[in-house]
Amino acid sequence: MPRLIDHAAREVEVAEAAWRVLSTRGVGALSVRTVAAEAGLATGSLRRAFPTQDALLVFSLELVARRVRDRVRALDASPAPPAPQLAALCELLPLDAARRLEMEVWLHLGSLVAAGGALRDVHESAHQELAAFTAGVLGSLVQAGWARADLDLPLEARRLHALIDGLALHLVRQDAGAPTGWAPDVLTAHLDELRA
């Protein structure tokens, strides 16, 4: 009897193999052949999951966004502010090996979006989702009475979004084993400036 293949799991395995290629060898080494070898698959098997390299890249980028979303949704929102908001923001930062890999992939694939197409659309959609998320975090802090009610929310949301992006870039640029605790401290100090 032929073995049944879990196609959704196979797609994730292939995307994770693409992530490893991107992280260790860079965008220039990314090809159907290198990803298939990394995944331990025949090239034809990979092509059945992803008929084009663009389809693989789009799924790889979507997987990064999905993993971040899933982690944020799994957080306990019941503690008093700003603990849940800070925890959610920290899920966007490469504070451990798994999140560092995601950010490296995000940056590598982000370098390819200038050409347009579906990859650019996914990247832009995730960027807009992050903008809405930072605005929602700040709105929740104001609504809870923790942050000042007179905040210019659109401006502060942009500032928080830029801070997240900058922290993420700094964390990826430092050595993989370097301490990361300074980044949540910076976020905490920033949020404290917004207190009511």
Protein backbone atom coordinates (compact mmCIF):
# COMPACT_ATOMS: atom_id res chain seq x y z
CA MET A 1 0.00 0.00 0.00
CA PRO A 2 1.48 3.41 -0.92
CA ARG A 3 2.45 5.68 1.93
CA LEU A 4 0.16 8.68 2.41
CA ILE A 5 1.90 12.04 2.35
CA ASP A 6 0.80 14.89 4.57
CA HIS A 7 1.15 17.65 1.98
CA ALA A 8 0.78 20.51 4.47
CA ALA A 9 3.55 19.04 6.65
CA ARG A 10 5.71 18.47 3.56
CA GLU A 11 5.30 22.11 2.54
CA VAL A 12 6.43 23.25 5.98
CA GLU A 13 9.42 20.87 5.89
CA VAL A 14 10.47 22.23 2.51
CA ALA A 15 10.03 25.84 3.64
CA GLU A 16 12.11 25.15 6.75
CA ALA A 17 14.80 23.65 4.51
CA ALA A 18 14.69 26.86 2.45
CA TRP A 19 15.05 28.84 5.68
CA ARG A 20 18.19 26.86 6.57
CA VAL A 21 19.69 27.45 3.13
CA LEU A 22 18.95 31.18 3.38
CA SER A 23 20.38 31.41 6.89
CA THR A 24 23.58 29.48 6.26
CA ARG A 25 24.34 30.26 2.61
CA GLY A 26 22.32 33.34 1.67
CA VAL A 27 19.95 34.23 -1.13
CA GLY A 28 22.50 33.46 -3.86
CA ALA A 29 22.59 29.79 -2.86
CA LEU A 30 18.83 29.37 -2.86
CA SER A 31 17.68 27.08 -5.66
CA VAL A 32 15.28 24.19 -6.09
CA ARG A 33 18.27 21.84 -6.08
CA THR A 34 19.84 23.18 -2.86
CA VAL A 35 16.51 23.26 -1.03
CA ALA A 36 15.63 19.73 -2.19
CA ALA A 37 19.02 18.48 -0.98
CA GLU A 38 18.59 20.25 2.37
CA ALA A 39 15.12 18.73 2.76
CA GLY A 40 16.32 15.25 1.75
CA LEU A 41 13.93 15.16 -1.20
CA ALA A 42 14.21 14.54 -4.91
CA THR A 43 13.88 17.70 -6.96
CA GLY A 44 10.70 16.32 -8.54
CA SER A 45 9.11 15.86 -5.11
CA LEU A 46 9.87 19.45 -4.21
CA ARG A 47 8.43 20.65 -7.51
CA ARG A 48 5.16 18.86 -6.76
CA ALA A 49 4.83 20.91 -3.58
CA PHE A 50 6.16 24.14 -5.12
CA PRO A 51 6.05 24.24 -8.93
CA THR A 52 8.15 27.42 -9.03
CA GLN A 53 10.86 28.94 -6.89
CA ASP A 54 8.62 31.98 -6.41
CA ALA A 55 5.91 29.76 -4.92
CA LEU A 56 8.46 28.38 -2.44
CA LEU A 57 9.67 31.86 -1.50
CA VAL A 58 6.14 33.15 -1.00
CA PHE A 59 5.23 30.19 1.21
CA SER A 60 8.49 30.58 3.17
CA LEU A 61 7.69 34.22 3.90
CA GLU A 62 4.07 33.43 4.75
CA LEU A 63 5.29 30.77 7.18
CA VAL A 64 7.35 33.35 9.07
CA ALA A 65 4.28 35.57 9.46
CA ARG A 66 2.10 32.61 10.46
CA ARG A 67 4.53 31.46 13.16
CA VAL A 68 4.68 34.95 14.69
CA ARG A 69 0.87 35.21 14.62
CA ASP A 70 0.48 31.81 16.27
CA ARG A 71 2.89 32.69 19.07
CA VAL A 72 1.16 35.99 19.79
CA ARG A 73 -2.29 34.34 19.82
CA ALA A 74 -1.05 31.69 22.27
CA LEU A 75 -0.03 34.29 24.87
CA ASP A 76 -1.97 34.78 28.09
CA ALA A 77 -3.67 38.17 27.84
CA SER A 78 -4.98 38.16 31.41
CA PRO A 79 -2.08 39.81 33.33
CA ALA A 80 -2.28 43.52 34.03
CA PRO A 81 -0.86 45.92 31.45
CA PRO A 82 1.74 46.29 30.14
CA ALA A 83 2.85 42.66 30.67
CA PRO A 84 0.74 41.07 27.89
CA GLN A 85 1.51 43.88 25.47
CA LEU A 86 5.23 43.65 26.16
CA ALA A 87 5.14 39.85 25.78
CA ALA A 88 3.36 40.20 22.44
CA LEU A 89 5.89 42.76 21.19
CA CYS A 90 8.75 40.51 22.27
CA GLU A 91 7.38 37.74 20.05
CA LEU A 92 8.28 39.96 17.10
CA LEU A 93 11.94 40.08 18.13
CA PRO A 94 14.67 37.49 17.45
CA LEU A 95 15.33 36.78 21.13
CA ASP A 96 16.09 33.07 20.66
CA ALA A 97 17.43 30.79 17.91
CA ALA A 98 14.02 30.04 16.34
CA ARG A 99 12.97 33.68 16.14
CA ARG A 100 16.45 34.67 14.94
CA LEU A 101 16.12 32.22 12.04
CA GLU A 102 12.71 33.68 11.18
CA MET A 103 14.13 37.21 11.17
CA GLU A 104 17.09 36.18 9.03
CA VAL A 105 14.68 34.65 6.51
CA TRP A 106 12.49 37.76 6.66
CA LEU A 107 15.48 39.98 5.89
CA HIS A 108 16.86 37.73 3.13
CA LEU A 109 13.50 37.45 1.39
CA GLY A 110 12.80 41.12 2.00
CA SER A 111 15.83 41.90 -0.15
CA LEU A 112 14.03 40.26 -3.09
CA VAL A 113 10.74 42.18 -2.93
CA ALA A 114 11.85 45.10 -5.08
CA ALA A 115 11.12 43.02 -8.18
CA GLY A 116 7.43 43.00 -7.25
CA GLY A 117 5.07 40.09 -7.66
CA ALA A 118 3.55 37.81 -5.06
CA LEU A 119 6.57 37.97 -2.74
CA ARG A 120 6.28 41.72 -2.53
CA ASP A 121 2.55 41.44 -1.88
CA VAL A 122 3.12 39.04 1.05
CA HIS A 123 5.89 41.23 2.45
CA GLU A 124 3.74 44.37 2.21
CA SER A 125 0.76 42.61 3.77
CA ALA A 126 2.88 41.50 6.74
CA HIS A 127 4.29 45.02 7.06
CA GLN A 128 0.76 46.45 7.20
CA GLU A 129 -0.27 43.77 9.69
CA LEU A 130 2.63 44.77 11.95
CA ALA A 131 1.63 48.43 11.66
CA ALA A 132 -1.92 47.56 12.70
CA PHE A 133 -0.60 45.36 15.50
CA THR A 134 1.55 48.11 17.03
CA ALA A 135 -1.41 50.49 16.84
CA GLY A 136 -3.58 47.87 18.55
CA VAL A 137 -1.02 47.36 21.32
CA LEU A 138 -0.91 51.07 22.04
CA GLY A 139 -4.69 51.38 21.83
CA SER A 140 -5.08 48.59 24.36
CA LEU A 141 -2.70 50.36 26.75
CA VAL A 142 -4.69 53.60 26.44
CA GLN A 143 -8.01 51.79 26.82
CA ALA A 144 -6.74 50.06 29.97
CA GLY A 145 -5.78 53.45 31.41
CA TRP A 146 -2.13 52.48 31.54
CA ALA A 147 -0.95 54.84 28.77
CA ARG A 148 -1.80 58.52 28.40
CA ALA A 149 -5.11 59.23 26.72
CA ASP A 150 -3.69 62.23 24.85
CA LEU A 151 -1.18 60.18 22.86
CA ASP A 152 -0.99 60.79 19.13
CA LEU A 153 -1.74 57.13 18.41
CA PRO A 154 -0.86 57.11 14.68
CA LEU A 155 2.50 58.76 15.40
CA GLU A 156 3.25 56.57 18.41
CA ALA A 157 2.28 53.43 16.49
CA ARG A 158 4.76 54.35 13.74
CA ARG A 159 7.41 55.05 16.33
CA LEU A 160 6.82 51.68 18.02
CA HIS A 161 6.83 49.90 14.67
CA ALA A 162 10.15 51.56 13.79
CA LEU A 163 11.56 50.63 17.19
CA ILE A 164 10.57 46.97 16.71
CA ASP A 165 12.17 46.92 13.25
CA GLY A 166 15.35 48.55 14.57
CA LEU A 167 15.64 46.25 17.57
CA ALA A 168 15.13 43.21 15.35
CA LEU A 169 17.88 44.35 12.99
CA HIS A 170 20.30 45.01 15.84
CA LEU A 171 19.57 41.62 17.38
CA VAL A 172 20.24 39.80 14.10
CA ARG A 173 23.47 41.73 13.56
CA GLN A 174 24.91 40.70 16.91
CA ASP A 175 26.56 37.30 17.39
CA ALA A 176 24.10 34.43 17.64
CA GLY A 177 25.04 33.60 21.24
CA ALA A 178 25.10 37.18 22.51
CA PRO A 179 22.66 38.24 25.24
CA THR A 180 19.30 39.52 24.00
CA GLY A 181 17.78 40.75 27.28
CA TRP A 182 18.70 44.33 26.47
CA ALA A 183 16.01 44.50 23.76
CA PRO A 184 13.00 43.88 26.06
CA ASP A 185 14.58 46.43 28.43
CA VAL A 186 14.59 49.01 25.61
CA LEU A 187 10.95 48.20 24.80
CA THR A 188 9.99 48.51 28.46
CA ALA A 189 11.71 51.89 28.72
CA HIS A 190 9.91 53.07 25.60
CA LEU A 191 6.49 51.99 26.88
CA ASP A 192 7.21 53.60 30.26
CA GLU A 193 7.54 56.95 28.46
CA LEU A 194 3.89 56.58 27.41
CA ARG A 195 2.47 55.98 30.89
CA ALA A 196 -0.55 57.85 32.14
